[in-house]
Amino acid sequence: MINRPVYLEKLIARKDNGLVKIVTGVRRCGKSYMLFTIYHDYLMAQGVDESHIIEISLEETENFIYHNPLKLSEFIKSKIIDKSIYYIFIDEIQFVQSI
């Protein structure tokens, strides 16, 4: 495992500021791993409930339905069950179609 302390610290410093975070980089550089593993593990260690971390990869064939923005919104809303903070990780967001 390659730890990414600089990038993790950048995410942590901006955590809970109400703004969307976008992780960019060249293909296969570890962006998904950074979010779905390293940042996910950090949030869990901070006591964030697993059910408050919503993750979806839009390049997986079983998630192609969520390329439709209305279906994606429906999916996310179905996971939100209370007024607490939720962390939503969407991999390959560029696949979402415009309406």
PDB file of N, CA and C in Angstrom:
ATOM      1  N   MET A   1       0.845  -1.185   0.000  1.00  0.00           N
ATOM      2  CA  MET A   1       0.000   0.000   0.000  1.00  0.00           C
ATOM      3  C   MET A   1       0.885   1.241   0.000  1.00  0.00           C
ATOM      4  N   ILE A   2       0.529   2.182  -0.842  1.00  0.00           N
ATOM      5  CA  ILE A   2       1.249   3.457  -0.878  1.00  0.00           C
ATOM      6  C   ILE A   2       0.393   4.487  -0.148  1.00  0.00           C
ATOM      7  N   ASN A   3       0.889   4.970   0.974  1.00  0.00           N
ATOM      8  CA  ASN A   3       0.172   6.026   1.692  1.00  0.00           C
ATOM      9  C   ASN A   3       0.354   7.335   0.956  1.00  0.00           C
ATOM     10  N   ARG A   4      -0.632   8.164   1.007  1.00  0.00           N
ATOM     11  CA  ARG A   4      -0.593   9.459   0.337  1.00  0.00           C
ATOM     12  C   ARG A   4      -0.830  10.552   1.383  1.00  0.00           C
ATOM     13  N   PRO A   5       0.118  10.755   2.302  1.00  0.00           N
ATOM     14  CA  PRO A   5      -0.115  11.671   3.418  1.00  0.00           C
ATOM     15  C   PRO A   5      -0.389  13.111   3.001  1.00  0.00           C
ATOM     16  N   VAL A   6       0.252  13.579   1.956  1.00  0.00           N
ATOM     17  CA  VAL A   6       0.044  14.967   1.518  1.00  0.00           C
ATOM     18  C   VAL A   6      -1.385  15.153   1.027  1.00  0.00           C
ATOM     19  N   TYR A   7      -1.854  14.227   0.194  1.00  0.00           N
ATOM     20  CA  TYR A   7      -3.204  14.335  -0.352  1.00  0.00           C
ATOM     21  C   TYR A   7      -4.249  14.089   0.736  1.00  0.00           C
ATOM     22  N   LEU A   8      -3.969  13.141   1.625  1.00  0.00           N
ATOM     23  CA  LEU A   8      -4.894  12.885   2.730  1.00  0.00           C
ATOM     24  C   LEU A   8      -5.031  14.127   3.606  1.00  0.00           C
ATOM     25  N   GLU A   9      -3.921  14.761   3.925  1.00  0.00           N
ATOM     26  CA  GLU A   9      -3.963  15.974   4.758  1.00  0.00           C
ATOM     27  C   GLU A   9      -4.755  17.095   4.081  1.00  0.00           C
ATOM     28  N   LYS A  10      -4.655  17.191   2.767  1.00  0.00           N
ATOM     29  CA  LYS A  10      -5.428  18.207   2.042  1.00  0.00           C
ATOM     30  C   LYS A  10      -6.923  17.941   2.170  1.00  0.00           C
ATOM     31  N   LEU A  11      -7.322  16.674   2.066  1.00  0.00           N
ATOM     32  CA  LEU A  11      -8.740  16.325   2.236  1.00  0.00           C
ATOM     33  C   LEU A  11      -9.190  16.587   3.678  1.00  0.00           C
ATOM     34  N   ILE A  12      -8.350  16.195   4.620  1.00  0.00           N
ATOM     35  CA  ILE A  12      -8.699  16.379   6.034  1.00  0.00           C
ATOM     36  C   ILE A  12      -8.841  17.860   6.361  1.00  0.00           C
ATOM     37  N   ALA A  13      -7.946  18.694   5.847  1.00  0.00           N
ATOM     38  CA  ALA A  13      -7.985  20.135   6.136  1.00  0.00           C
ATOM     39  C   ALA A  13      -9.263  20.779   5.620  1.00  0.00           C
ATOM     40  N   ARG A  14      -9.850  20.210   4.591  1.00  0.00           N
ATOM     41  CA  ARG A  14     -11.061  20.790   3.991  1.00  0.00           C
ATOM     42  C   ARG A  14     -12.330  20.021   4.348  1.00  0.00           C
ATOM     43  N   LYS A  15     -12.186  19.030   5.213  1.00  0.00           N
ATOM     44  CA  LYS A  15     -13.313  18.188   5.628  1.00  0.00           C
ATOM     45  C   LYS A  15     -14.387  19.043   6.301  1.00  0.00           C
ATOM     46  N   ASP A  16     -15.620  18.758   5.982  1.00  0.00           N
ATOM     47  CA  ASP A  16     -16.785  19.388   6.613  1.00  0.00           C
ATOM     48  C   ASP A  16     -16.882  20.899   6.393  1.00  0.00           C
ATOM     49  N   ASN A  17     -16.301  21.411   5.297  1.00  0.00           N
ATOM     50  CA  ASN A  17     -16.436  22.841   5.017  1.00  0.00           C
ATOM     51  C   ASN A  17     -17.630  23.147   4.116  1.00  0.00           C
ATOM     52  N   GLY A  18     -18.403  22.109   3.794  1.00  0.00           N
ATOM     53  CA  GLY A  18     -19.613  22.300   3.001  1.00  0.00           C
ATOM     54  C   GLY A  18     -19.396  22.353   1.504  1.00  0.00           C
ATOM     55  N   LEU A  19     -18.161  22.229   1.062  1.00  0.00           N
ATOM     56  CA  LEU A  19     -17.865  22.296  -0.370  1.00  0.00           C
ATOM     57  C   LEU A  19     -17.578  20.909  -0.939  1.00  0.00           C
ATOM     58  N   VAL A  20     -17.861  20.750  -2.215  1.00  0.00           N
ATOM     59  CA  VAL A  20     -17.563  19.516  -2.925  1.00  0.00           C
ATOM     60  C   VAL A  20     -16.059  19.446  -3.161  1.00  0.00           C
ATOM     61  N   LYS A  21     -15.496  18.272  -2.976  1.00  0.00           N
ATOM     62  CA  LYS A  21     -14.076  18.061  -3.264  1.00  0.00           C
ATOM     63  C   LYS A  21     -13.971  17.248  -4.539  1.00  0.00           C
ATOM     64  N   ILE A  22     -13.067  17.638  -5.408  1.00  0.00           N
ATOM     65  CA  ILE A  22     -12.833  16.913  -6.656  1.00  0.00           C
ATOM     66  C   ILE A  22     -11.375  16.493  -6.676  1.00  0.00           C
ATOM     67  N   VAL A  23     -11.151  15.193  -6.807  1.00  0.00           N
ATOM     68  CA  VAL A  23      -9.797  14.659  -6.861  1.00  0.00           C
ATOM     69  C   VAL A  23      -9.485  14.403  -8.329  1.00  0.00           C
ATOM     70  N   THR A  24      -8.434  15.031  -8.825  1.00  0.00           N
ATOM     71  CA  THR A  24      -8.066  14.879 -10.233  1.00  0.00           C
ATOM     72  C   THR A  24      -6.649  14.330 -10.351  1.00  0.00           C
ATOM     73  N   GLY A  25      -6.341  13.782 -11.506  1.00  0.00           N
ATOM     74  CA  GLY A  25      -5.005  13.273 -11.771  1.00  0.00           C
ATOM     75  C   GLY A  25      -5.030  12.423 -13.020  1.00  0.00           C
ATOM     76  N   VAL A  26      -3.861  12.025 -13.452  1.00  0.00           N
ATOM     77  CA  VAL A  26      -3.753  11.192 -14.647  1.00  0.00           C
ATOM     78  C   VAL A  26      -4.341   9.811 -14.364  1.00  0.00           C
ATOM     79  N   ARG A  27      -4.647   9.096 -15.427  1.00  0.00           N
ATOM     80  CA  ARG A  27      -5.218   7.750 -15.282  1.00  0.00           C
ATOM     81  C   ARG A  27      -4.292   6.855 -14.469  1.00  0.00           C
ATOM     82  N   ARG A  28      -4.927   6.001 -13.646  1.00  0.00           N
ATOM     83  CA  ARG A  28      -4.226   4.955 -12.902  1.00  0.00           C
ATOM     84  C   ARG A  28      -3.213   5.488 -11.881  1.00  0.00           C
ATOM     85  N   CYS A  29      -3.443   6.698 -11.347  1.00  0.00           N
ATOM     86  CA  CYS A  29      -2.492   7.252 -10.379  1.00  0.00           C
ATOM     87  C   CYS A  29      -2.924   7.027  -8.930  1.00  0.00           C
ATOM     88  N   GLY A  30      -4.114   6.447  -8.726  1.00  0.00           N
ATOM     89  CA  GLY A  30      -4.532   6.129  -7.372  1.00  0.00           C
ATOM     90  C   GLY A  30      -5.617   7.014  -6.794  1.00  0.00           C
ATOM     91  N   LYS A  31      -6.333   7.736  -7.621  1.00  0.00           N
ATOM     92  CA  LYS A  31      -7.404   8.633  -7.135  1.00  0.00           C
ATOM     93  C   LYS A  31      -8.499   7.835  -6.433  1.00  0.00           C
ATOM     94  N   SER A  32      -8.958   6.779  -7.061  1.00  0.00           N
ATOM     95  CA  SER A  32     -10.019   5.954  -6.477  1.00  0.00           C
ATOM     96  C   SER A  32      -9.540   5.299  -5.187  1.00  0.00           C
ATOM     97  N   TYR A  33      -8.340   4.792  -5.199  1.00  0.00           N
ATOM     98  CA  TYR A  33      -7.769   4.173  -4.008  1.00  0.00           C
ATOM     99  C   TYR A  33      -7.677   5.186  -2.873  1.00  0.00           C
ATOM    100  N   MET A  34      -7.296   6.405  -3.224  1.00  0.00           N
ATOM    101  CA  MET A  34      -7.199   7.476  -2.225  1.00  0.00           C
ATOM    102  C   MET A  34      -8.537   7.670  -1.515  1.00  0.00           C
ATOM    103  N   LEU A  35      -9.618   7.739  -2.290  1.00  0.00           N
ATOM    104  CA  LEU A  35     -10.932   7.969  -1.693  1.00  0.00           C
ATOM    105  C   LEU A  35     -11.511   6.718  -1.060  1.00  0.00           C
ATOM    106  N   PHE A  36     -11.606   5.652  -1.836  1.00  0.00           N
ATOM    107  CA  PHE A  36     -12.321   4.451  -1.406  1.00  0.00           C
ATOM    108  C   PHE A  36     -11.584   3.637  -0.343  1.00  0.00           C
ATOM    109  N   THR A  37     -10.301   3.847  -0.196  1.00  0.00           N
ATOM    110  CA  THR A  37      -9.555   3.095   0.817  1.00  0.00           C
ATOM    111  C   THR A  37      -8.938   4.020   1.865  1.00  0.00           C
ATOM    112  N   ILE A  38      -8.042   4.883   1.455  1.00  0.00           N
ATOM    113  CA  ILE A  38      -7.296   5.694   2.430  1.00  0.00           C
ATOM    114  C   ILE A  38      -8.217   6.677   3.158  1.00  0.00           C
ATOM    115  N   TYR A  39      -8.976   7.474   2.420  1.00  0.00           N
ATOM    116  CA  TYR A  39      -9.850   8.459   3.082  1.00  0.00           C
ATOM    117  C   TYR A  39     -11.004   7.760   3.797  1.00  0.00           C
ATOM    118  N   HIS A  40     -11.519   6.702   3.201  1.00  0.00           N
ATOM    119  CA  HIS A  40     -12.571   5.909   3.849  1.00  0.00           C
ATOM    120  C   HIS A  40     -12.078   5.402   5.212  1.00  0.00           C
ATOM    121  N   ASP A  41     -10.887   4.809   5.239  1.00  0.00           N
ATOM    122  CA  ASP A  41     -10.315   4.304   6.490  1.00  0.00           C
ATOM    123  C   ASP A  41     -10.106   5.422   7.504  1.00  0.00           C
ATOM    124  N   TYR A  42      -9.673   6.579   7.034  1.00  0.00           N
ATOM    125  CA  TYR A  42      -9.504   7.728   7.928  1.00  0.00           C
ATOM    126  C   TYR A  42     -10.840   8.109   8.565  1.00  0.00           C
ATOM    127  N   LEU A  43     -11.886   8.224   7.745  1.00  0.00           N
ATOM    128  CA  LEU A  43     -13.202   8.590   8.276  1.00  0.00           C
ATOM    129  C   LEU A  43     -13.683   7.575   9.302  1.00  0.00           C
ATOM    130  N   MET A  44     -13.501   6.304   9.020  1.00  0.00           N
ATOM    131  CA  MET A  44     -13.904   5.255   9.953  1.00  0.00           C
ATOM    132  C   MET A  44     -13.134   5.383  11.271  1.00  0.00           C
ATOM    133  N   ALA A  45     -11.836   5.663  11.188  1.00  0.00           N
ATOM    134  CA  ALA A  45     -11.020   5.825  12.395  1.00  0.00           C
ATOM    135  C   ALA A  45     -11.461   7.034  13.215  1.00  0.00           C
ATOM    136  N   GLN A  46     -12.086   8.016  12.548  1.00  0.00           N
ATOM    137  CA  GLN A  46     -12.582   9.201  13.239  1.00  0.00           C
ATOM    138  C   GLN A  46     -13.971   8.987  13.823  1.00  0.00           C
ATOM    139  N   GLY A  47     -14.521   7.795  13.640  1.00  0.00           N
ATOM    140  CA  GLY A  47     -15.814   7.468  14.219  1.00  0.00           C
ATOM    141  C   GLY A  47     -17.007   7.684  13.309  1.00  0.00           C
ATOM    142  N   VAL A  48     -16.755   7.949  12.026  1.00  0.00           N
ATOM    143  CA  VAL A  48     -17.859   8.097  11.078  1.00  0.00           C
ATOM    144  C   VAL A  48     -18.479   6.720  10.863  1.00  0.00           C
ATOM    145  N   ASP A  49     -19.793   6.651  10.986  1.00  0.00           N
ATOM    146  CA  ASP A  49     -20.511   5.391  10.783  1.00  0.00           C
ATOM    147  C   ASP A  49     -20.401   4.965   9.321  1.00  0.00           C
ATOM    148  N   GLU A  50     -20.165   3.686   9.112  1.00  0.00           N
ATOM    149  CA  GLU A  50     -20.016   3.145   7.748  1.00  0.00           C
ATOM    150  C   GLU A  50     -21.209   3.506   6.860  1.00  0.00           C
ATOM    151  N   SER A  51     -22.402   3.548   7.448  1.00  0.00           N
ATOM    152  CA  SER A  51     -23.602   3.859   6.661  1.00  0.00           C
ATOM    153  C   SER A  51     -23.645   5.321   6.226  1.00  0.00           C
ATOM    154  N   HIS A  52     -22.750   6.146   6.750  1.00  0.00           N
ATOM    155  CA  HIS A  52     -22.693   7.560   6.384  1.00  0.00           C
ATOM    156  C   HIS A  52     -21.612   7.842   5.336  1.00  0.00           C
ATOM    157  N   ILE A  53     -21.046   6.768   4.803  1.00  0.00           N
ATOM    158  CA  ILE A  53     -20.090   6.875   3.700  1.00  0.00           C
ATOM    159  C   ILE A  53     -20.731   6.167   2.510  1.00  0.00           C
ATOM    160  N   ILE A  54     -21.149   6.947   1.536  1.00  0.00           N
ATOM    161  CA  ILE A  54     -21.821   6.420   0.348  1.00  0.00           C
ATOM    162  C   ILE A  54     -20.809   6.400  -0.788  1.00  0.00           C
ATOM    163  N   GLU A  55     -20.579   5.231  -1.346  1.00  0.00           N
ATOM    164  CA  GLU A  55     -19.583   5.090  -2.404  1.00  0.00           C
ATOM    165  C   GLU A  55     -20.215   4.441  -3.626  1.00  0.00           C
ATOM    166  N   ILE A  56     -19.850   4.964  -4.792  1.00  0.00           N
ATOM    167  CA  ILE A  56     -20.324   4.359  -6.036  1.00  0.00           C
ATOM    168  C   ILE A  56     -19.297   4.614  -7.140  1.00  0.00           C
ATOM    169  N   SER A  57     -19.025   3.574  -7.906  1.00  0.00           N
ATOM    170  CA  SER A  57     -18.152   3.692  -9.070  1.00  0.00           C
ATOM    171  C   SER A  57     -19.018   3.573 -10.309  1.00  0.00           C
ATOM    172  N   LEU A  58     -19.040   4.609 -11.101  1.00  0.00           N
ATOM    173  CA  LEU A  58     -19.903   4.630 -12.277  1.00  0.00           C
ATOM    174  C   LEU A  58     -19.310   3.903 -13.478  1.00  0.00           C
ATOM    175  N   GLU A  59     -18.111   3.340 -13.326  1.00  0.00           N
ATOM    176  CA  GLU A  59     -17.556   2.550 -14.426  1.00  0.00           C
ATOM    177  C   GLU A  59     -17.891   1.076 -14.283  1.00  0.00           C
ATOM    178  N   GLU A  60     -18.479   0.683 -13.164  1.00  0.00           N
ATOM    179  CA  GLU A  60     -18.909  -0.699 -12.968  1.00  0.00           C
ATOM    180  C   GLU A  60     -20.220  -0.925 -13.714  1.00  0.00           C
ATOM    181  N   THR A  61     -20.314  -2.033 -14.450  1.00  0.00           N
ATOM    182  CA  THR A  61     -21.498  -2.277 -15.286  1.00  0.00           C
ATOM    183  C   THR A  61     -22.788  -2.300 -14.479  1.00  0.00           C
ATOM    184  N   GLU A  62     -22.737  -2.800 -13.258  1.00  0.00           N
ATOM    185  CA  GLU A  62     -23.962  -2.838 -12.448  1.00  0.00           C
ATOM    186  C   GLU A  62     -24.435  -1.438 -12.034  1.00  0.00           C
ATOM    187  N   ASN A  63     -23.591  -0.439 -12.224  1.00  0.00           N
ATOM    188  CA  ASN A  63     -23.959   0.932 -11.871  1.00  0.00           C
ATOM    189  C   ASN A  63     -24.235   1.816 -13.086  1.00  0.00           C
ATOM    190  N   PHE A  64     -24.268   1.240 -14.268  1.00  0.00           N
ATOM    191  CA  PHE A  64     -24.531   2.024 -15.475  1.00  0.00           C
ATOM    192  C   PHE A  64     -25.865   2.760 -15.400  1.00  0.00           C
ATOM    193  N   ILE A  65     -26.832   2.206 -14.687  1.00  0.00           N
ATOM    194  CA  ILE A  65     -28.133   2.862 -14.548  1.00  0.00           C
ATOM    195  C   ILE A  65     -27.989   4.250 -13.921  1.00  0.00           C
ATOM    196  N   TYR A  66     -26.945   4.419 -13.110  1.00  0.00           N
ATOM    197  CA  TYR A  66     -26.739   5.692 -12.416  1.00  0.00           C
ATOM    198  C   TYR A  66     -26.030   6.737 -13.280  1.00  0.00           C
ATOM    199  N   HIS A  67     -25.806   6.418 -14.544  1.00  0.00           N
ATOM    200  CA  HIS A  67     -25.337   7.444 -15.479  1.00  0.00           C
ATOM    201  C   HIS A  67     -26.464   8.442 -15.713  1.00  0.00           C
ATOM    202  N   ASN A  68     -27.675   8.011 -15.428  1.00  0.00           N
ATOM    203  CA  ASN A  68     -28.840   8.904 -15.467  1.00  0.00           C
ATOM    204  C   ASN A  68     -28.821   9.710 -14.158  1.00  0.00           C
ATOM    205  N   PRO A  69     -28.741  11.041 -14.229  1.00  0.00           N
ATOM    206  CA  PRO A  69     -28.623  11.843 -13.002  1.00  0.00           C
ATOM    207  C   PRO A  69     -29.809  11.702 -12.055  1.00  0.00           C
ATOM    208  N   LEU A  70     -30.994  11.442 -12.589  1.00  0.00           N
ATOM    209  CA  LEU A  70     -32.164  11.273 -11.728  1.00  0.00           C
ATOM    210  C   LEU A  70     -32.054   9.969 -10.937  1.00  0.00           C
ATOM    211  N   LYS A  71     -31.559   8.913 -11.585  1.00  0.00           N
ATOM    212  CA  LYS A  71     -31.364   7.631 -10.902  1.00  0.00           C
ATOM    213  C   LYS A  71     -30.239   7.732  -9.865  1.00  0.00           C
ATOM    214  N   LEU A  72     -29.179   8.465 -10.206  1.00  0.00           N
ATOM    215  CA  LEU A  72     -28.080   8.651  -9.265  1.00  0.00           C
ATOM    216  C   LEU A  72     -28.560   9.405  -8.023  1.00  0.00           C
ATOM    217  N   SER A  73     -29.320  10.453  -8.236  1.00  0.00           N
ATOM    218  CA  SER A  73     -29.877  11.224  -7.125  1.00  0.00           C
ATOM    219  C   SER A  73     -30.781  10.352  -6.257  1.00  0.00           C
ATOM    220  N   GLU A  74     -31.595   9.558  -6.908  1.00  0.00           N
ATOM    221  CA  GLU A  74     -32.497   8.636  -6.200  1.00  0.00           C
ATOM    222  C   GLU A  74     -31.699   7.645  -5.345  1.00  0.00           C
ATOM    223  N   PHE A  75     -30.621   7.107  -5.913  1.00  0.00           N
ATOM    224  CA  PHE A  75     -29.758   6.168  -5.193  1.00  0.00           C
ATOM    225  C   PHE A  75     -29.164   6.827  -3.954  1.00  0.00           C
ATOM    226  N   ILE A  76     -28.606   8.013  -4.124  1.00  0.00           N
ATOM    227  CA  ILE A  76     -27.971   8.708  -3.002  1.00  0.00           C
ATOM    228  C   ILE A  76     -28.991   9.040  -1.918  1.00  0.00           C
ATOM    229  N   LYS A  77     -30.131   9.570  -2.330  1.00  0.00           N
ATOM    230  CA  LYS A  77     -31.174   9.918  -1.358  1.00  0.00           C
ATOM    231  C   LYS A  77     -31.671   8.695  -0.598  1.00  0.00           C
ATOM    232  N   SER A  78     -31.685   7.532  -1.238  1.00  0.00           N
ATOM    233  CA  SER A  78     -32.151   6.313  -0.573  1.00  0.00           C
ATOM    234  C   SER A  78     -31.201   5.876   0.546  1.00  0.00           C
ATOM    235  N   LYS A  79     -29.957   6.317   0.470  1.00  0.00           N
ATOM    236  CA  LYS A  79     -28.953   5.950   1.473  1.00  0.00           C
ATOM    237  C   LYS A  79     -28.941   6.908   2.661  1.00  0.00           C
ATOM    238  N   ILE A  80     -29.537   8.079   2.485  1.00  0.00           N
ATOM    239  CA  ILE A  80     -29.537   9.090   3.546  1.00  0.00           C
ATOM    240  C   ILE A  80     -30.772   8.878   4.413  1.00  0.00           C
ATOM    241  N   ILE A  81     -30.529   8.531   5.669  1.00  0.00           N
ATOM    242  CA  ILE A  81     -31.641   8.169   6.547  1.00  0.00           C
ATOM    243  C   ILE A  81     -31.830   9.112   7.737  1.00  0.00           C
ATOM    244  N   ASP A  82     -30.907  10.049   7.912  1.00  0.00           N
ATOM    245  CA  ASP A  82     -31.039  10.993   9.020  1.00  0.00           C
ATOM    246  C   ASP A  82     -30.400  12.328   8.637  1.00  0.00           C
ATOM    247  N   LYS A  83     -30.319  13.244   9.579  1.00  0.00           N
ATOM    248  CA  LYS A  83     -29.819  14.599   9.307  1.00  0.00           C
ATOM    249  C   LYS A  83     -28.310  14.740   9.539  1.00  0.00           C
ATOM    250  N   SER A  84     -27.632  13.645   9.818  1.00  0.00           N
ATOM    251  CA  SER A  84     -26.194  13.680  10.060  1.00  0.00           C
ATOM    252  C   SER A  84     -25.424  13.956   8.768  1.00  0.00           C
ATOM    253  N   ILE A  85     -24.133  14.181   8.909  1.00  0.00           N
ATOM    254  CA  ILE A  85     -23.258  14.395   7.758  1.00  0.00           C
ATOM    255  C   ILE A  85     -23.021  13.069   7.047  1.00  0.00           C
ATOM    256  N   TYR A  86     -23.088  13.112   5.724  1.00  0.00           N
ATOM    257  CA  TYR A  86     -22.773  11.958   4.890  1.00  0.00           C
ATOM    258  C   TYR A  86     -21.608  12.328   3.979  1.00  0.00           C
ATOM    259  N   TYR A  87     -20.791  11.349   3.683  1.00  0.00           N
ATOM    260  CA  TYR A  87     -19.670  11.516   2.766  1.00  0.00           C
ATOM    261  C   TYR A  87     -19.999  10.697   1.528  1.00  0.00           C
ATOM    262  N   ILE A  88     -20.031  11.342   0.376  1.00  0.00           N
ATOM    263  CA  ILE A  88     -20.440  10.689  -0.862  1.00  0.00           C
ATOM    264  C   ILE A  88     -19.248  10.671  -1.817  1.00  0.00           C
ATOM    265  N   PHE A  89     -18.808   9.484  -2.158  1.00  0.00           N
ATOM    266  CA  PHE A  89     -17.695   9.306  -3.084  1.00  0.00           C
ATOM    267  C   PHE A  89     -18.251   8.770  -4.392  1.00  0.00           C
ATOM    268  N   ILE A  90     -18.093   9.537  -5.466  1.00  0.00           N
ATOM    269  CA  ILE A  90     -18.561   9.112  -6.786  1.00  0.00           C
ATOM    270  C   ILE A  90     -17.344   9.030  -7.698  1.00  0.00           C
ATOM    271  N   ASP A  91     -17.037   7.831  -8.141  1.00  0.00           N
ATOM    272  CA  ASP A  91     -15.913   7.624  -9.046  1.00  0.00           C
ATOM    273  C   ASP A  91     -16.420   7.658 -10.480  1.00  0.00           C
ATOM    274  N   GLU A  92     -15.716   8.383 -11.323  1.00  0.00           N
ATOM    275  CA  GLU A  92     -16.039   8.525 -12.747  1.00  0.00           C
ATOM    276  C   GLU A  92     -17.338   9.319 -12.958  1.00  0.00           C
ATOM    277  N   ILE A  93     -17.472  10.425 -12.260  1.00  0.00           N
ATOM    278  CA  ILE A  93     -18.665  11.275 -12.333  1.00  0.00           C
ATOM    279  C   ILE A  93     -18.919  11.787 -13.752  1.00  0.00           C
ATOM    280  N   GLN A  94     -17.887  11.819 -14.587  1.00  0.00           N
ATOM    281  CA  GLN A  94     -18.066  12.324 -15.954  1.00  0.00           C
ATOM    282  C   GLN A  94     -19.007  11.443 -16.773  1.00  0.00           C
ATOM    283  N   PHE A  95     -19.318  10.236 -16.292  1.00  0.00           N
ATOM    284  CA  PHE A  95     -20.241   9.364 -17.017  1.00  0.00           C
ATOM    285  C   PHE A  95     -21.709   9.766 -16.830  1.00  0.00           C
ATOM    286  N   VAL A  96     -21.981  10.638 -15.865  1.00  0.00           N
ATOM    287  CA  VAL A  96     -23.366  11.062 -15.646  1.00  0.00           C
ATOM    288  C   VAL A  96     -23.784  11.937 -16.824  1.00  0.00           C
ATOM    289  N   GLN A  97     -24.904  11.578 -17.413  1.00  0.00           N
ATOM    290  CA  GLN A  97     -25.410  12.285 -18.605  1.00  0.00           C
ATOM    291  C   GLN A  97     -26.113  13.573 -18.196  1.00  0.00           C
ATOM    292  N   SER A  98     -26.058  14.550 -19.064  1.00  0.00           N
ATOM    293  CA  SER A  98     -26.835  15.762 -18.802  1.00  0.00           C
ATOM    294  C   SER A  98     -28.274  15.505 -19.256  1.00  0.00           C
ATOM    295  N   ILE A  99     -29.181  16.212 -18.642  1.00  0.00           N
ATOM    296  CA  ILE A  99     -30.600  16.008 -18.969  1.00  0.00           C
ATOM    297  C   ILE A  99     -31.003  16.969 -20.072  1.00  0.00           C
TER     298      ILE A  99
END
